Amino acid sequence: MTNSTHQTCHHPARDITIVALVSGVVSLGTAVTTMAFEVSPLATLTSSGGAFLAVLSAGMNVLHHVKRDV
């Protein structure tokens, strides 16, 4: 008979890194798409920055709710 205990292991740094990387990829995709429409550099920066912040905040909210329910 083995005496094993269930240990939960949380990796918040890993989760935050994944959310940040996904936000970066979405931001780059938004920048490339915006540049394809031949708009000004400021519009490209604004749209990609907005996409980065939107995805980052949504991802952090999801992490907060997932970690709270566990």
PDB file of N, CA and C in Angstrom:
ATOM      1  N   MET A   1       0.845  -1.170   0.000  1.00  0.00           N
ATOM      2  CA  MET A   1       0.000   0.000   0.000  1.00  0.00           C
ATOM      3  C   MET A   1       0.891   1.234   0.000  1.00  0.00           C
ATOM      4  N   THR A   2       0.637   2.126  -0.918  1.00  0.00           N
ATOM      5  CA  THR A   2       1.417   3.359  -0.973  1.00  0.00           C
ATOM      6  C   THR A   2       0.656   4.471  -0.285  1.00  0.00           C
ATOM      7  N   ASN A   3       1.398   5.338   0.288  1.00  0.00           N
ATOM      8  CA  ASN A   3       0.800   6.472   0.996  1.00  0.00           C
ATOM      9  C   ASN A   3       1.101   7.734   0.209  1.00  0.00           C
ATOM     10  N   SER A   4       0.294   7.990  -0.806  1.00  0.00           N
ATOM     11  CA  SER A   4       0.531   9.168  -1.636  1.00  0.00           C
ATOM     12  C   SER A   4      -0.460  10.259  -1.259  1.00  0.00           C
ATOM     13  N   THR A   5       0.043  11.445  -1.263  1.00  0.00           N
ATOM     14  CA  THR A   5      -0.825  12.586  -0.967  1.00  0.00           C
ATOM     15  C   THR A   5      -0.981  13.411  -2.232  1.00  0.00           C
ATOM     16  N   HIS A   6      -2.139  13.980  -2.389  1.00  0.00           N
ATOM     17  CA  HIS A   6      -2.397  14.820  -3.562  1.00  0.00           C
ATOM     18  C   HIS A   6      -1.856  16.214  -3.288  1.00  0.00           C
ATOM     19  N   GLN A   7      -0.907  16.628  -4.113  1.00  0.00           N
ATOM     20  CA  GLN A   7      -0.324  17.951  -3.951  1.00  0.00           C
ATOM     21  C   GLN A   7      -0.717  18.808  -5.147  1.00  0.00           C
ATOM     22  N   THR A   8      -1.216  19.987  -4.845  1.00  0.00           N
ATOM     23  CA  THR A   8      -1.522  20.907  -5.927  1.00  0.00           C
ATOM     24  C   THR A   8      -0.308  21.773  -6.189  1.00  0.00           C
ATOM     25  N   CYS A   9      -0.039  21.978  -7.431  1.00  0.00           N
ATOM     26  CA  CYS A   9       1.127  22.771  -7.820  1.00  0.00           C
ATOM     27  C   CYS A   9       0.654  23.888  -8.736  1.00  0.00           C
ATOM     28  N   HIS A  10       0.796  25.116  -8.273  1.00  0.00           N
ATOM     29  CA  HIS A  10       0.380  26.271  -9.061  1.00  0.00           C
ATOM     30  C   HIS A  10       1.619  26.970  -9.608  1.00  0.00           C
ATOM     31  N   HIS A  11       1.556  27.352 -10.848  1.00  0.00           N
ATOM     32  CA  HIS A  11       2.663  28.048 -11.495  1.00  0.00           C
ATOM     33  C   HIS A  11       2.174  29.398 -12.010  1.00  0.00           C
ATOM     34  N   PRO A  12       2.010  30.369 -11.135  1.00  0.00           N
ATOM     35  CA  PRO A  12       1.477  31.643 -11.611  1.00  0.00           C
ATOM     36  C   PRO A  12       2.404  32.347 -12.595  1.00  0.00           C
ATOM     37  N   ALA A  13       3.708  32.218 -12.435  1.00  0.00           N
ATOM     38  CA  ALA A  13       4.631  32.869 -13.374  1.00  0.00           C
ATOM     39  C   ALA A  13       4.477  32.272 -14.768  1.00  0.00           C
ATOM     40  N   ARG A  14       4.303  30.971 -14.844  1.00  0.00           N
ATOM     41  CA  ARG A  14       4.106  30.309 -16.129  1.00  0.00           C
ATOM     42  C   ARG A  14       2.814  30.771 -16.779  1.00  0.00           C
ATOM     43  N   ASP A  15       1.751  30.838 -15.996  1.00  0.00           N
ATOM     44  CA  ASP A  15       0.458  31.254 -16.527  1.00  0.00           C
ATOM     45  C   ASP A  15       0.497  32.695 -17.028  1.00  0.00           C
ATOM     46  N   ILE A  16       1.118  33.565 -16.256  1.00  0.00           N
ATOM     47  CA  ILE A  16       1.225  34.970 -16.657  1.00  0.00           C
ATOM     48  C   ILE A  16       2.075  35.106 -17.915  1.00  0.00           C
ATOM     49  N   THR A  17       3.130  34.312 -18.010  1.00  0.00           N
ATOM     50  CA  THR A  17       3.984  34.333 -19.198  1.00  0.00           C
ATOM     51  C   THR A  17       3.215  33.886 -20.439  1.00  0.00           C
ATOM     52  N   ILE A  18       2.399  32.863 -20.285  1.00  0.00           N
ATOM     53  CA  ILE A  18       1.602  32.376 -21.413  1.00  0.00           C
ATOM     54  C   ILE A  18       0.623  33.447 -21.871  1.00  0.00           C
ATOM     55  N   VAL A  19      -0.037  34.106 -20.926  1.00  0.00           N
ATOM     56  CA  VAL A  19      -0.990  35.171 -21.279  1.00  0.00           C
ATOM     57  C   VAL A  19      -0.261  36.316 -21.974  1.00  0.00           C
ATOM     58  N   ALA A  20       0.915  36.690 -21.472  1.00  0.00           N
ATOM     59  CA  ALA A  20       1.679  37.786 -22.085  1.00  0.00           C
ATOM     60  C   ALA A  20       2.136  37.419 -23.490  1.00  0.00           C
ATOM     61  N   LEU A  21       2.577  36.176 -23.684  1.00  0.00           N
ATOM     62  CA  LEU A  21       3.021  35.752 -25.013  1.00  0.00           C
ATOM     63  C   LEU A  21       1.857  35.717 -26.008  1.00  0.00           C
ATOM     64  N   VAL A  22       0.710  35.226 -25.573  1.00  0.00           N
ATOM     65  CA  VAL A  22      -0.463  35.213 -26.452  1.00  0.00           C
ATOM     66  C   VAL A  22      -0.855  36.643 -26.809  1.00  0.00           C
ATOM     67  N   SER A  23      -0.796  37.541 -25.833  1.00  0.00           N
ATOM     68  CA  SER A  23      -1.100  38.949 -26.099  1.00  0.00           C
ATOM     69  C   SER A  23      -0.131  39.534 -27.115  1.00  0.00           C
ATOM     70  N   GLY A  24       1.144  39.185 -26.997  1.00  0.00           N
ATOM     71  CA  GLY A  24       2.143  39.666 -27.943  1.00  0.00           C
ATOM     72  C   GLY A  24       1.903  39.162 -29.353  1.00  0.00           C
ATOM     73  N   VAL A  25       1.532  37.895 -29.473  1.00  0.00           N
ATOM     74  CA  VAL A  25       1.267  37.316 -30.789  1.00  0.00           C
ATOM     75  C   VAL A  25       0.040  37.972 -31.424  1.00  0.00           C
ATOM     76  N   VAL A  26      -1.002  38.177 -30.638  1.00  0.00           N
ATOM     77  CA  VAL A  26      -2.197  38.846 -31.162  1.00  0.00           C
ATOM     78  C   VAL A  26      -1.862  40.275 -31.561  1.00  0.00           C
ATOM     79  N   SER A  27      -1.036  40.941 -30.769  1.00  0.00           N
ATOM     80  CA  SER A  27      -0.627  42.311 -31.070  1.00  0.00           C
ATOM     81  C   SER A  27       0.157  42.373 -32.377  1.00  0.00           C
ATOM     82  N   LEU A  28       1.070  41.434 -32.567  1.00  0.00           N
ATOM     83  CA  LEU A  28       1.838  41.399 -33.818  1.00  0.00           C
ATOM     84  C   LEU A  28       0.928  41.123 -35.016  1.00  0.00           C
ATOM     85  N   GLY A  29      -0.011  40.216 -34.848  1.00  0.00           N
ATOM     86  CA  GLY A  29      -0.955  39.928 -35.925  1.00  0.00           C
ATOM     87  C   GLY A  29      -1.802  41.141 -36.269  1.00  0.00           C
ATOM     88  N   THR A  30      -2.196  41.872 -35.242  1.00  0.00           N
ATOM     89  CA  THR A  30      -2.962  43.092 -35.472  1.00  0.00           C
ATOM     90  C   THR A  30      -2.118  44.140 -36.190  1.00  0.00           C
ATOM     91  N   ALA A  31      -0.852  44.253 -35.810  1.00  0.00           N
ATOM     92  CA  ALA A  31       0.036  45.224 -36.460  1.00  0.00           C
ATOM     93  C   ALA A  31       0.229  44.880 -37.930  1.00  0.00           C
ATOM     94  N   VAL A  32       0.453  43.617 -38.234  1.00  0.00           N
ATOM     95  CA  VAL A  32       0.653  43.201 -39.628  1.00  0.00           C
ATOM     96  C   VAL A  32      -0.613  43.444 -40.443  1.00  0.00           C
ATOM     97  N   THR A  33      -1.759  43.103 -39.866  1.00  0.00           N
ATOM     98  CA  THR A  33      -3.027  43.311 -40.563  1.00  0.00           C
ATOM     99  C   THR A  33      -3.275  44.799 -40.797  1.00  0.00           C
ATOM    100  N   THR A  34      -2.984  45.613 -39.793  1.00  0.00           N
ATOM    101  CA  THR A  34      -3.189  47.053 -39.926  1.00  0.00           C
ATOM    102  C   THR A  34      -2.242  47.641 -40.970  1.00  0.00           C
ATOM    103  N   MET A  35      -0.988  47.184 -40.981  1.00  0.00           N
ATOM    104  CA  MET A  35      -0.037  47.683 -41.978  1.00  0.00           C
ATOM    105  C   MET A  35      -0.434  47.286 -43.396  1.00  0.00           C
ATOM    106  N   ALA A  36      -1.146  46.177 -43.535  1.00  0.00           N
ATOM    107  CA  ALA A  36      -1.589  45.754 -44.862  1.00  0.00           C
ATOM    108  C   ALA A  36      -2.568  46.749 -45.475  1.00  0.00           C
ATOM    109  N   PHE A  37      -3.250  47.514 -44.636  1.00  0.00           N
ATOM    110  CA  PHE A  37      -4.180  48.528 -45.128  1.00  0.00           C
ATOM    111  C   PHE A  37      -3.494  49.861 -45.386  1.00  0.00           C
ATOM    112  N   GLU A  38      -2.166  49.886 -45.251  1.00  0.00           N
ATOM    113  CA  GLU A  38      -1.345  51.060 -45.531  1.00  0.00           C
ATOM    114  C   GLU A  38      -1.815  52.308 -44.774  1.00  0.00           C
ATOM    115  N   VAL A  39      -1.960  52.144 -43.468  1.00  0.00           N
ATOM    116  CA  VAL A  39      -2.338  53.275 -42.618  1.00  0.00           C
ATOM    117  C   VAL A  39      -1.076  53.868 -41.996  1.00  0.00           C
ATOM    118  N   SER A  40      -1.239  54.918 -41.238  1.00  0.00           N
ATOM    119  CA  SER A  40      -0.083  55.589 -40.636  1.00  0.00           C
ATOM    120  C   SER A  40       0.537  54.715 -39.538  1.00  0.00           C
ATOM    121  N   PRO A  41       1.811  54.941 -39.252  1.00  0.00           N
ATOM    122  CA  PRO A  41       2.462  54.190 -38.172  1.00  0.00           C
ATOM    123  C   PRO A  41       1.779  54.390 -36.821  1.00  0.00           C
ATOM    124  N   LEU A  42       1.247  55.579 -36.591  1.00  0.00           N
ATOM    125  CA  LEU A  42       0.551  55.825 -35.322  1.00  0.00           C
ATOM    126  C   LEU A  42      -0.709  54.970 -35.210  1.00  0.00           C
ATOM    127  N   ALA A  43      -1.436  54.813 -36.300  1.00  0.00           N
ATOM    128  CA  ALA A  43      -2.626  53.964 -36.284  1.00  0.00           C
ATOM    129  C   ALA A  43      -2.247  52.504 -36.059  1.00  0.00           C
ATOM    130  N   THR A  44      -1.140  52.085 -36.651  1.00  0.00           N
ATOM    131  CA  THR A  44      -0.663  50.719 -36.446  1.00  0.00           C
ATOM    132  C   THR A  44      -0.292  50.495 -34.990  1.00  0.00           C
ATOM    133  N   LEU A  45       0.431  51.431 -34.420  1.00  0.00           N
ATOM    134  CA  LEU A  45       0.845  51.322 -33.023  1.00  0.00           C
ATOM    135  C   LEU A  45      -0.357  51.349 -32.086  1.00  0.00           C
ATOM    136  N   THR A  46      -1.299  52.214 -32.383  1.00  0.00           N
ATOM    137  CA  THR A  46      -2.495  52.327 -31.545  1.00  0.00           C
ATOM    138  C   THR A  46      -3.327  51.051 -31.577  1.00  0.00           C
ATOM    139  N   SER A  47      -3.535  50.514 -32.756  1.00  0.00           N
ATOM    140  CA  SER A  47      -4.361  49.308 -32.858  1.00  0.00           C
ATOM    141  C   SER A  47      -3.674  48.091 -32.250  1.00  0.00           C
ATOM    142  N   SER A  48      -2.373  47.947 -32.493  1.00  0.00           N
ATOM    143  CA  SER A  48      -1.680  46.787 -31.926  1.00  0.00           C
ATOM    144  C   SER A  48      -1.545  46.915 -30.409  1.00  0.00           C
ATOM    145  N   GLY A  49      -1.327  48.131 -29.924  1.00  0.00           N
ATOM    146  CA  GLY A  49      -1.266  48.332 -28.468  1.00  0.00           C
ATOM    147  C   GLY A  49      -2.601  48.086 -27.809  1.00  0.00           C
ATOM    148  N   GLY A  50      -3.663  48.533 -28.464  1.00  0.00           N
ATOM    149  CA  GLY A  50      -5.000  48.280 -27.933  1.00  0.00           C
ATOM    150  C   GLY A  50      -5.324  46.798 -27.891  1.00  0.00           C
ATOM    151  N   ALA A  51      -4.933  46.079 -28.939  1.00  0.00           N
ATOM    152  CA  ALA A  51      -5.164  44.634 -28.968  1.00  0.00           C
ATOM    153  C   ALA A  51      -4.366  43.939 -27.869  1.00  0.00           C
ATOM    154  N   PHE A  52      -3.115  44.383 -27.669  1.00  0.00           N
ATOM    155  CA  PHE A  52      -2.283  43.790 -26.616  1.00  0.00           C
ATOM    156  C   PHE A  52      -2.935  43.986 -25.257  1.00  0.00           C
ATOM    157  N   LEU A  53      -3.362  45.206 -24.965  1.00  0.00           N
ATOM    158  CA  LEU A  53      -3.969  45.486 -23.657  1.00  0.00           C
ATOM    159  C   LEU A  53      -5.289  44.749 -23.474  1.00  0.00           C
ATOM    160  N   ALA A  54      -6.086  44.660 -24.533  1.00  0.00           N
ATOM    161  CA  ALA A  54      -7.371  43.968 -24.428  1.00  0.00           C
ATOM    162  C   ALA A  54      -7.183  42.486 -24.141  1.00  0.00           C
ATOM    163  N   VAL A  55      -6.286  41.839 -24.891  1.00  0.00           N
ATOM    164  CA  VAL A  55      -6.069  40.405 -24.692  1.00  0.00           C
ATOM    165  C   VAL A  55      -5.391  40.149 -23.346  1.00  0.00           C
ATOM    166  N   LEU A  56      -4.462  41.007 -22.968  1.00  0.00           N
ATOM    167  CA  LEU A  56      -3.782  40.834 -21.676  1.00  0.00           C
ATOM    168  C   LEU A  56      -4.765  40.978 -20.524  1.00  0.00           C
ATOM    169  N   SER A  57      -5.609  41.986 -20.560  1.00  0.00           N
ATOM    170  CA  SER A  57      -6.554  42.169 -19.448  1.00  0.00           C
ATOM    171  C   SER A  57      -7.589  41.046 -19.415  1.00  0.00           C
ATOM    172  N   ALA A  58      -8.054  40.604 -20.580  1.00  0.00           N
ATOM    173  CA  ALA A  58      -8.997  39.483 -20.604  1.00  0.00           C
ATOM    174  C   ALA A  58      -8.348  38.207 -20.081  1.00  0.00           C
ATOM    175  N   GLY A  59      -7.119  37.957 -20.493  1.00  0.00           N
ATOM    176  CA  GLY A  59      -6.413  36.769 -20.026  1.00  0.00           C
ATOM    177  C   GLY A  59      -6.143  36.793 -18.532  1.00  0.00           C
ATOM    178  N   MET A  60      -5.795  37.955 -18.010  1.00  0.00           N
ATOM    179  CA  MET A  60      -5.543  38.058 -16.570  1.00  0.00           C
ATOM    180  C   MET A  60      -6.842  37.890 -15.783  1.00  0.00           C
ATOM    181  N   ASN A  61      -7.952  38.384 -16.309  1.00  0.00           N
ATOM    182  CA  ASN A  61      -9.243  38.161 -15.650  1.00  0.00           C
ATOM    183  C   ASN A  61      -9.606  36.685 -15.638  1.00  0.00           C
ATOM    184  N   VAL A  62      -9.349  36.005 -16.740  1.00  0.00           N
ATOM    185  CA  VAL A  62      -9.612  34.560 -16.788  1.00  0.00           C
ATOM    186  C   VAL A  62      -8.735  33.841 -15.768  1.00  0.00           C
ATOM    187  N   LEU A  63      -7.462  34.184 -15.706  1.00  0.00           N
ATOM    188  CA  LEU A  63      -6.577  33.548 -14.721  1.00  0.00           C
ATOM    189  C   LEU A  63      -7.058  33.800 -13.307  1.00  0.00           C
ATOM    190  N   HIS A  64      -7.511  35.006 -13.044  1.00  0.00           N
ATOM    191  CA  HIS A  64      -7.988  35.333 -11.703  1.00  0.00           C
ATOM    192  C   HIS A  64      -9.192  34.462 -11.324  1.00  0.00           C
ATOM    193  N   HIS A  65     -10.130  34.294 -12.249  1.00  0.00           N
ATOM    194  CA  HIS A  65     -11.319  33.494 -11.953  1.00  0.00           C
ATOM    195  C   HIS A  65     -10.983  32.011 -11.858  1.00  0.00           C
ATOM    196  N   VAL A  66     -10.090  31.532 -12.705  1.00  0.00           N
ATOM    197  CA  VAL A  66      -9.721  30.116 -12.668  1.00  0.00           C
ATOM    198  C   VAL A  66      -8.981  29.808 -11.361  1.00  0.00           C
ATOM    199  N   LYS A  67      -8.070  30.652 -10.961  1.00  0.00           N
ATOM    200  CA  LYS A  67      -7.313  30.407  -9.736  1.00  0.00           C
ATOM    201  C   LYS A  67      -8.211  30.529  -8.504  1.00  0.00           C
ATOM    202  N   ARG A  68      -9.220  31.389  -8.561  1.00  0.00           N
ATOM    203  CA  ARG A  68     -10.112  31.567  -7.411  1.00  0.00           C
ATOM    204  C   ARG A  68     -11.014  30.343  -7.233  1.00  0.00           C
ATOM    205  N   ASP A  69     -11.415  29.711  -8.350  1.00  0.00           N
ATOM    206  CA  ASP A  69     -12.321  28.559  -8.257  1.00  0.00           C
ATOM    207  C   ASP A  69     -11.613  27.287  -7.844  1.00  0.00           C
ATOM    208  N   VAL A  70     -10.313  27.235  -7.974  1.00  0.00           N
ATOM    209  CA  VAL A  70      -9.575  26.001  -7.657  1.00  0.00           C
ATOM    210  C   VAL A  70      -9.416  25.847  -6.181  1.00  0.00           C
TER     211      VAL A  70
END
